[in-house]
Amino acid sequence: MFIFLLAVTFALAVTVSWILTRIFQNPIQQILDRIIGEDVSNAWARYLTFAVYVVGISGGVRVWDFEKYLIAPKDGVVAALTAEAWTMEIYRAIVGTLQSVAWMLLVFFVFALIAFVIVKGREMKHQS
């Protein structure tokens, strides 16, 4: 049962990450095209997509939290995989994936905004 829970949370994290990459694919590509140019931006966009998957899966599948279903804590009772536990773990997987990817994209967009301001400033300087 534990292995199935691990597989389900992994599948959920991959699915949520895939949805998020589809939602943010065009904005990321446009930002990178504007900041670093089209010739290099495709490679950076692919790397950022890979990073979304890595961050999303690691945030959604919290293996260290699953130890409670395998190892007895100090009180000696191993947590049971009930329907309520499944519901909570599925919820945590989805929210953990969303939260991790949101933080990663926030950092990316902050740095992209800083880079955009620098690029725009240089363009204005060259025009005058």
C-alpha atoms as a PDB file:
ATOM      1  CA  MET A   1       0.000   0.000   0.000  1.00  0.00           C
ATOM      2  CA  PHE A   2       2.890   2.354   0.773  1.00  0.00           C
ATOM      3  CA  ILE A   3       4.449   1.872  -2.662  1.00  0.00           C
ATOM      4  CA  PHE A   4       1.110   2.641  -4.308  1.00  0.00           C
ATOM      5  CA  LEU A   5       0.806   5.861  -2.277  1.00  0.00           C
ATOM      6  CA  LEU A   6       4.301   6.843  -3.356  1.00  0.00           C
ATOM      7  CA  ALA A   7       3.456   6.148  -7.012  1.00  0.00           C
ATOM      8  CA  VAL A   8       0.185   8.103  -6.820  1.00  0.00           C
ATOM      9  CA  THR A   9       1.797  11.162  -5.251  1.00  0.00           C
ATOM     10  CA  PHE A  10       4.598  11.001  -7.831  1.00  0.00           C
ATOM     11  CA  ALA A  11       2.065  10.808 -10.663  1.00  0.00           C
ATOM     12  CA  LEU A  12       0.129  13.741  -9.207  1.00  0.00           C
ATOM     13  CA  ALA A  13       3.267  15.841  -8.858  1.00  0.00           C
ATOM     14  CA  VAL A  14       4.268  15.092 -12.459  1.00  0.00           C
ATOM     15  CA  THR A  15       0.772  15.913 -13.712  1.00  0.00           C
ATOM     16  CA  VAL A  16       0.553  19.201 -11.808  1.00  0.00           C
ATOM     17  CA  SER A  17       4.056  20.134 -12.979  1.00  0.00           C
ATOM     18  CA  TRP A  18       3.085  19.347 -16.563  1.00  0.00           C
ATOM     19  CA  ILE A  19      -0.006  21.551 -16.304  1.00  0.00           C
ATOM     20  CA  LEU A  20       2.057  24.394 -14.865  1.00  0.00           C
ATOM     21  CA  THR A  21       4.682  24.130 -17.595  1.00  0.00           C
ATOM     22  CA  ARG A  22       1.934  24.371 -20.212  1.00  0.00           C
ATOM     23  CA  ILE A  23       0.385  27.407 -18.504  1.00  0.00           C
ATOM     24  CA  PHE A  24       3.678  29.300 -18.163  1.00  0.00           C
ATOM     25  CA  GLN A  25       5.441  28.099 -21.319  1.00  0.00           C
ATOM     26  CA  ASN A  26       4.568  31.093 -23.523  1.00  0.00           C
ATOM     27  CA  PRO A  27       5.199  33.823 -20.915  1.00  0.00           C
ATOM     28  CA  ILE A  28       8.559  32.306 -20.020  1.00  0.00           C
ATOM     29  CA  GLN A  29       9.542  32.019 -23.681  1.00  0.00           C
ATOM     30  CA  GLN A  30       8.524  35.617 -24.390  1.00  0.00           C
ATOM     31  CA  ILE A  31      10.443  36.937 -21.387  1.00  0.00           C
ATOM     32  CA  LEU A  32      13.567  35.005 -22.309  1.00  0.00           C
ATOM     33  CA  ASP A  33      13.309  36.065 -25.965  1.00  0.00           C
ATOM     34  CA  ARG A  34      13.156  39.691 -24.881  1.00  0.00           C
ATOM     35  CA  ILE A  35      15.954  39.527 -22.334  1.00  0.00           C
ATOM     36  CA  ILE A  36      18.567  37.221 -23.859  1.00  0.00           C
ATOM     37  CA  GLY A  37      17.565  36.835 -27.501  1.00  0.00           C
ATOM     38  CA  GLU A  38      15.879  34.084 -29.434  1.00  0.00           C
ATOM     39  CA  ASP A  39      18.995  32.053 -30.245  1.00  0.00           C
ATOM     40  CA  VAL A  40      19.748  31.183 -26.605  1.00  0.00           C
ATOM     41  CA  SER A  41      16.301  31.558 -25.078  1.00  0.00           C
ATOM     42  CA  ASN A  42      15.061  28.156 -26.310  1.00  0.00           C
ATOM     43  CA  ALA A  43      17.767  26.372 -24.344  1.00  0.00           C
ATOM     44  CA  TRP A  44      17.016  28.414 -21.227  1.00  0.00           C
ATOM     45  CA  ALA A  45      13.291  27.770 -21.593  1.00  0.00           C
ATOM     46  CA  ARG A  46      13.936  24.030 -21.804  1.00  0.00           C
ATOM     47  CA  TYR A  47      16.132  24.203 -18.708  1.00  0.00           C
ATOM     48  CA  LEU A  48      13.453  26.150 -16.857  1.00  0.00           C
ATOM     49  CA  THR A  49      10.882  23.512 -17.843  1.00  0.00           C
ATOM     50  CA  PHE A  50      13.188  20.834 -16.453  1.00  0.00           C
ATOM     51  CA  ALA A  51      13.579  22.877 -13.265  1.00  0.00           C
ATOM     52  CA  VAL A  52       9.788  23.151 -12.894  1.00  0.00           C
ATOM     53  CA  TYR A  53       9.518  19.366 -13.030  1.00  0.00           C
ATOM     54  CA  VAL A  54      12.353  18.817 -10.544  1.00  0.00           C
ATOM     55  CA  VAL A  55      11.109  21.425  -8.088  1.00  0.00           C
ATOM     56  CA  GLY A  56       7.483  20.342  -8.490  1.00  0.00           C
ATOM     57  CA  ILE A  57       8.171  16.657  -7.958  1.00  0.00           C
ATOM     58  CA  SER A  58      10.479  17.240  -5.016  1.00  0.00           C
ATOM     59  CA  GLY A  59       7.921  19.555  -3.424  1.00  0.00           C
ATOM     60  CA  GLY A  60       4.977  17.259  -4.084  1.00  0.00           C
ATOM     61  CA  VAL A  61       6.520  13.918  -3.143  1.00  0.00           C
ATOM     62  CA  ARG A  62       7.806  14.378   0.370  1.00  0.00           C
ATOM     63  CA  VAL A  63       9.454  11.043   0.967  1.00  0.00           C
ATOM     64  CA  TRP A  64      10.685  12.054   4.427  1.00  0.00           C
ATOM     65  CA  ASP A  65       7.066  12.541   5.519  1.00  0.00           C
ATOM     66  CA  PHE A  66       6.156   9.035   4.373  1.00  0.00           C
ATOM     67  CA  GLU A  67       8.412   7.536   7.021  1.00  0.00           C
ATOM     68  CA  LYS A  68       5.505   7.699   9.455  1.00  0.00           C
ATOM     69  CA  TYR A  69       3.881   4.856   7.492  1.00  0.00           C
ATOM     70  CA  LEU A  70       7.008   2.690   7.749  1.00  0.00           C
ATOM     71  CA  ILE A  71       8.845   3.519  10.955  1.00  0.00           C
ATOM     72  CA  ALA A  72       7.286   3.731  14.390  1.00  0.00           C
ATOM     73  CA  PRO A  73       7.922   7.061  16.110  1.00  0.00           C
ATOM     74  CA  LYS A  74       8.863   7.360  19.788  1.00  0.00           C
ATOM     75  CA  ASP A  75       5.397   6.306  20.964  1.00  0.00           C
ATOM     76  CA  GLY A  76       5.724   3.034  19.017  1.00  0.00           C
ATOM     77  CA  VAL A  77       2.676   3.351  16.755  1.00  0.00           C
ATOM     78  CA  VAL A  78       3.020   3.250  12.950  1.00  0.00           C
ATOM     79  CA  ALA A  79       0.503   5.481  11.174  1.00  0.00           C
ATOM     80  CA  ALA A  80      -2.180   3.626   9.251  1.00  0.00           C
ATOM     81  CA  LEU A  81      -2.918   4.300   5.588  1.00  0.00           C
ATOM     82  CA  THR A  82      -6.619   4.998   5.958  1.00  0.00           C
ATOM     83  CA  ALA A  83      -8.855   6.796   3.477  1.00  0.00           C
ATOM     84  CA  GLU A  84      -8.354   9.996   5.452  1.00  0.00           C
ATOM     85  CA  ALA A  85      -4.582   9.597   5.309  1.00  0.00           C
ATOM     86  CA  TRP A  86      -4.757   9.029   1.544  1.00  0.00           C
ATOM     87  CA  THR A  87      -6.858  12.172   1.135  1.00  0.00           C
ATOM     88  CA  MET A  88      -4.415  14.241   3.160  1.00  0.00           C
ATOM     89  CA  GLU A  89      -1.379  12.886   1.298  1.00  0.00           C
ATOM     90  CA  ILE A  90      -2.976  13.563  -2.085  1.00  0.00           C
ATOM     91  CA  TYR A  91      -3.883  17.070  -0.977  1.00  0.00           C
ATOM     92  CA  ARG A  92      -0.351  17.647   0.332  1.00  0.00           C
ATOM     93  CA  ALA A  93       1.129  16.387  -2.931  1.00  0.00           C
ATOM     94  CA  ILE A  94      -0.914  18.803  -5.023  1.00  0.00           C
ATOM     95  CA  VAL A  95      -0.401  21.789  -2.739  1.00  0.00           C
ATOM     96  CA  GLY A  96       3.290  20.992  -2.242  1.00  0.00           C
ATOM     97  CA  THR A  97       3.842  20.870  -5.982  1.00  0.00           C
ATOM     98  CA  LEU A  98       1.983  24.136  -6.549  1.00  0.00           C
ATOM     99  CA  GLN A  99       3.795  25.852  -3.704  1.00  0.00           C
ATOM    100  CA  SER A 100       7.255  24.735  -4.798  1.00  0.00           C
ATOM    101  CA  VAL A 101       6.743  25.714  -8.420  1.00  0.00           C
ATOM    102  CA  ALA A 102       5.183  29.034  -7.404  1.00  0.00           C
ATOM    103  CA  TRP A 103       8.270  29.941  -5.369  1.00  0.00           C
ATOM    104  CA  MET A 104      10.588  28.903  -8.173  1.00  0.00           C
ATOM    105  CA  LEU A 105       8.680  30.930 -10.759  1.00  0.00           C
ATOM    106  CA  LEU A 106       8.520  33.906  -8.408  1.00  0.00           C
ATOM    107  CA  VAL A 107      12.307  33.897  -8.131  1.00  0.00           C
ATOM    108  CA  PHE A 108      12.626  33.542 -11.905  1.00  0.00           C
ATOM    109  CA  PHE A 109      10.221  36.407 -12.592  1.00  0.00           C
ATOM    110  CA  VAL A 110      11.930  38.692 -10.060  1.00  0.00           C
ATOM    111  CA  PHE A 111      15.304  38.131 -11.705  1.00  0.00           C
ATOM    112  CA  ALA A 112      13.696  38.455 -15.143  1.00  0.00           C
ATOM    113  CA  LEU A 113      12.197  41.792 -14.104  1.00  0.00           C
ATOM    114  CA  ILE A 114      15.590  43.029 -12.927  1.00  0.00           C
ATOM    115  CA  ALA A 115      17.173  41.868 -16.191  1.00  0.00           C
ATOM    116  CA  PHE A 116      14.394  43.517 -18.195  1.00  0.00           C
ATOM    117  CA  VAL A 117      14.976  46.839 -16.442  1.00  0.00           C
ATOM    118  CA  ILE A 118      18.698  46.597 -17.192  1.00  0.00           C
ATOM    119  CA  VAL A 119      18.091  45.722 -20.857  1.00  0.00           C
ATOM    120  CA  LYS A 120      15.525  48.499 -21.216  1.00  0.00           C
ATOM    121  CA  GLY A 121      17.901  50.982 -19.598  1.00  0.00           C
ATOM    122  CA  ARG A 122      20.685  50.057 -22.008  1.00  0.00           C
ATOM    123  CA  GLU A 123      18.330  50.399 -24.973  1.00  0.00           C
ATOM    124  CA  MET A 124      17.269  53.853 -23.842  1.00  0.00           C
ATOM    125  CA  LYS A 125      20.894  54.840 -23.306  1.00  0.00           C
ATOM    126  CA  HIS A 126      21.843  53.745 -26.835  1.00  0.00           C
ATOM    127  CA  GLN A 127      18.911  55.625 -28.375  1.00  0.00           C
ATOM    128  CA  SER A 128      19.886  58.932 -26.816  1.00  0.00           C
END
